[in-house]
Protein backbone atom coordinates (compact mmCIF):
# COMPACT_ATOMS: atom_id res chain seq x y z
CA MET A 1 0.00 0.02 0.01
CA LYS A 2 1.20 3.49 -0.79
CA LEU A 3 1.63 5.86 2.18
CA ILE A 4 -0.28 9.06 1.33
CA GLY A 5 -0.33 10.73 4.77
CA PHE A 6 0.08 10.43 8.51
CA GLN A 7 -1.03 12.30 11.62
CA THR A 8 -0.27 12.08 15.33
CA ALA A 9 -3.00 10.64 17.50
CA SER A 10 -3.19 10.75 21.25
CA GLY A 11 -5.84 10.79 23.93
CA GLN A 12 -7.49 8.70 26.54
CA SER A 13 -9.29 5.37 26.07
CA LYS A 14 -12.68 4.60 27.57
CA ASP A 15 -10.98 2.90 30.54
CA GLY A 16 -8.85 5.96 31.26
CA LYS A 17 -5.54 4.78 29.83
CA ALA A 18 -3.55 7.34 27.83
CA TYR A 19 -2.50 6.42 24.29
CA SER A 20 -0.17 8.02 21.76
CA GLY A 21 0.76 6.99 18.27
CA TYR A 22 0.22 7.66 14.57
CA ARG A 23 -2.60 7.18 12.14
CA PHE A 24 -1.15 6.21 8.77
CA HIS A 25 -3.20 6.76 5.62
CA PHE A 26 -2.76 4.47 2.66
CA SER A 27 -4.06 4.01 -0.90
CA ARG A 28 -4.05 0.83 -2.97
CA PRO A 29 -5.39 -0.14 -6.38
CA LEU A 30 -8.69 -1.96 -6.44
CA ASN A 31 -8.74 -5.43 -7.89
CA ALA A 32 -10.55 -5.68 -11.23
CA ASP A 33 -13.34 -7.72 -9.68
CA GLN A 34 -13.85 -5.05 -6.99
CA GLY A 35 -14.15 -2.00 -9.30
CA GLU A 36 -11.83 0.64 -10.69
CA GLY A 37 -9.52 3.18 -9.15
CA GLU A 38 -8.01 3.36 -5.65
CA ALA A 39 -9.19 2.26 -2.24
CA VAL A 40 -8.01 4.15 0.87
CA GLU A 41 -7.63 2.99 4.42
CA ASN A 42 -5.99 4.10 7.65
CA VAL A 43 -4.22 2.24 10.43
CA TYR A 44 -3.40 3.37 13.95
CA ILE A 45 0.01 2.21 15.27
CA SER A 46 1.11 2.95 18.87
CA GLU A 47 4.25 5.13 19.12
CA GLN A 48 6.09 2.28 20.92
CA TYR A 49 6.14 0.43 17.56
CA VAL A 50 7.25 3.37 15.35
CA ASP A 51 10.97 4.04 15.28
CA GLU A 52 10.95 6.18 12.18
CA ILE A 53 8.21 7.86 10.09
CA PRO A 54 8.30 6.51 6.51
CA LYS A 55 8.42 8.85 3.59
CA LEU A 56 5.17 9.78 1.78
CA GLY A 57 4.90 7.68 -1.32
CA ASP A 58 6.66 4.65 0.17
CA ASP A 59 5.10 1.27 -0.68
CA LEU A 60 4.57 -0.43 2.71
CA GLU A 61 3.13 -3.49 4.37
CA VAL A 62 1.44 -3.34 7.79
CA LEU A 63 2.67 -5.86 10.35
CA TYR A 64 0.11 -7.36 12.77
CA ASN A 65 0.55 -9.24 16.02
CA LYS A 66 -1.21 -12.55 16.91
CA TYR A 67 -4.21 -10.56 18.16
CA GLY A 68 -4.68 -8.74 14.85
CA ARG A 69 -3.38 -5.37 16.05
CA PRO A 70 -1.02 -3.33 13.93
CA VAL A 71 2.47 -3.27 15.35
CA GLY A 72 4.68 -1.91 12.61
CA LEU A 73 5.40 -1.11 9.00
CA MET A 74 7.91 -2.56 6.61
CA PRO A 75 8.73 -2.05 2.96
CA ALA A 76 6.41 -4.01 0.68
CA LYS A 77 7.83 -6.99 -1.19
């Protein structure tokens, strides 16, 4: 997926715990059977998992832990 933007995100969860991280915004081409054009999505990743902010336009893959939560980004293969 192509990184098209990011923003900082912080606040307090419903149970009162503070959180801080980044919301990464991506675009990707739609498969022919899905339609035409680009799809967009965003992923929140806690700051503890982000060592360096990738460059806009980078083609990236989101890494997930065993619970399905995003825990990092790596260059796409």
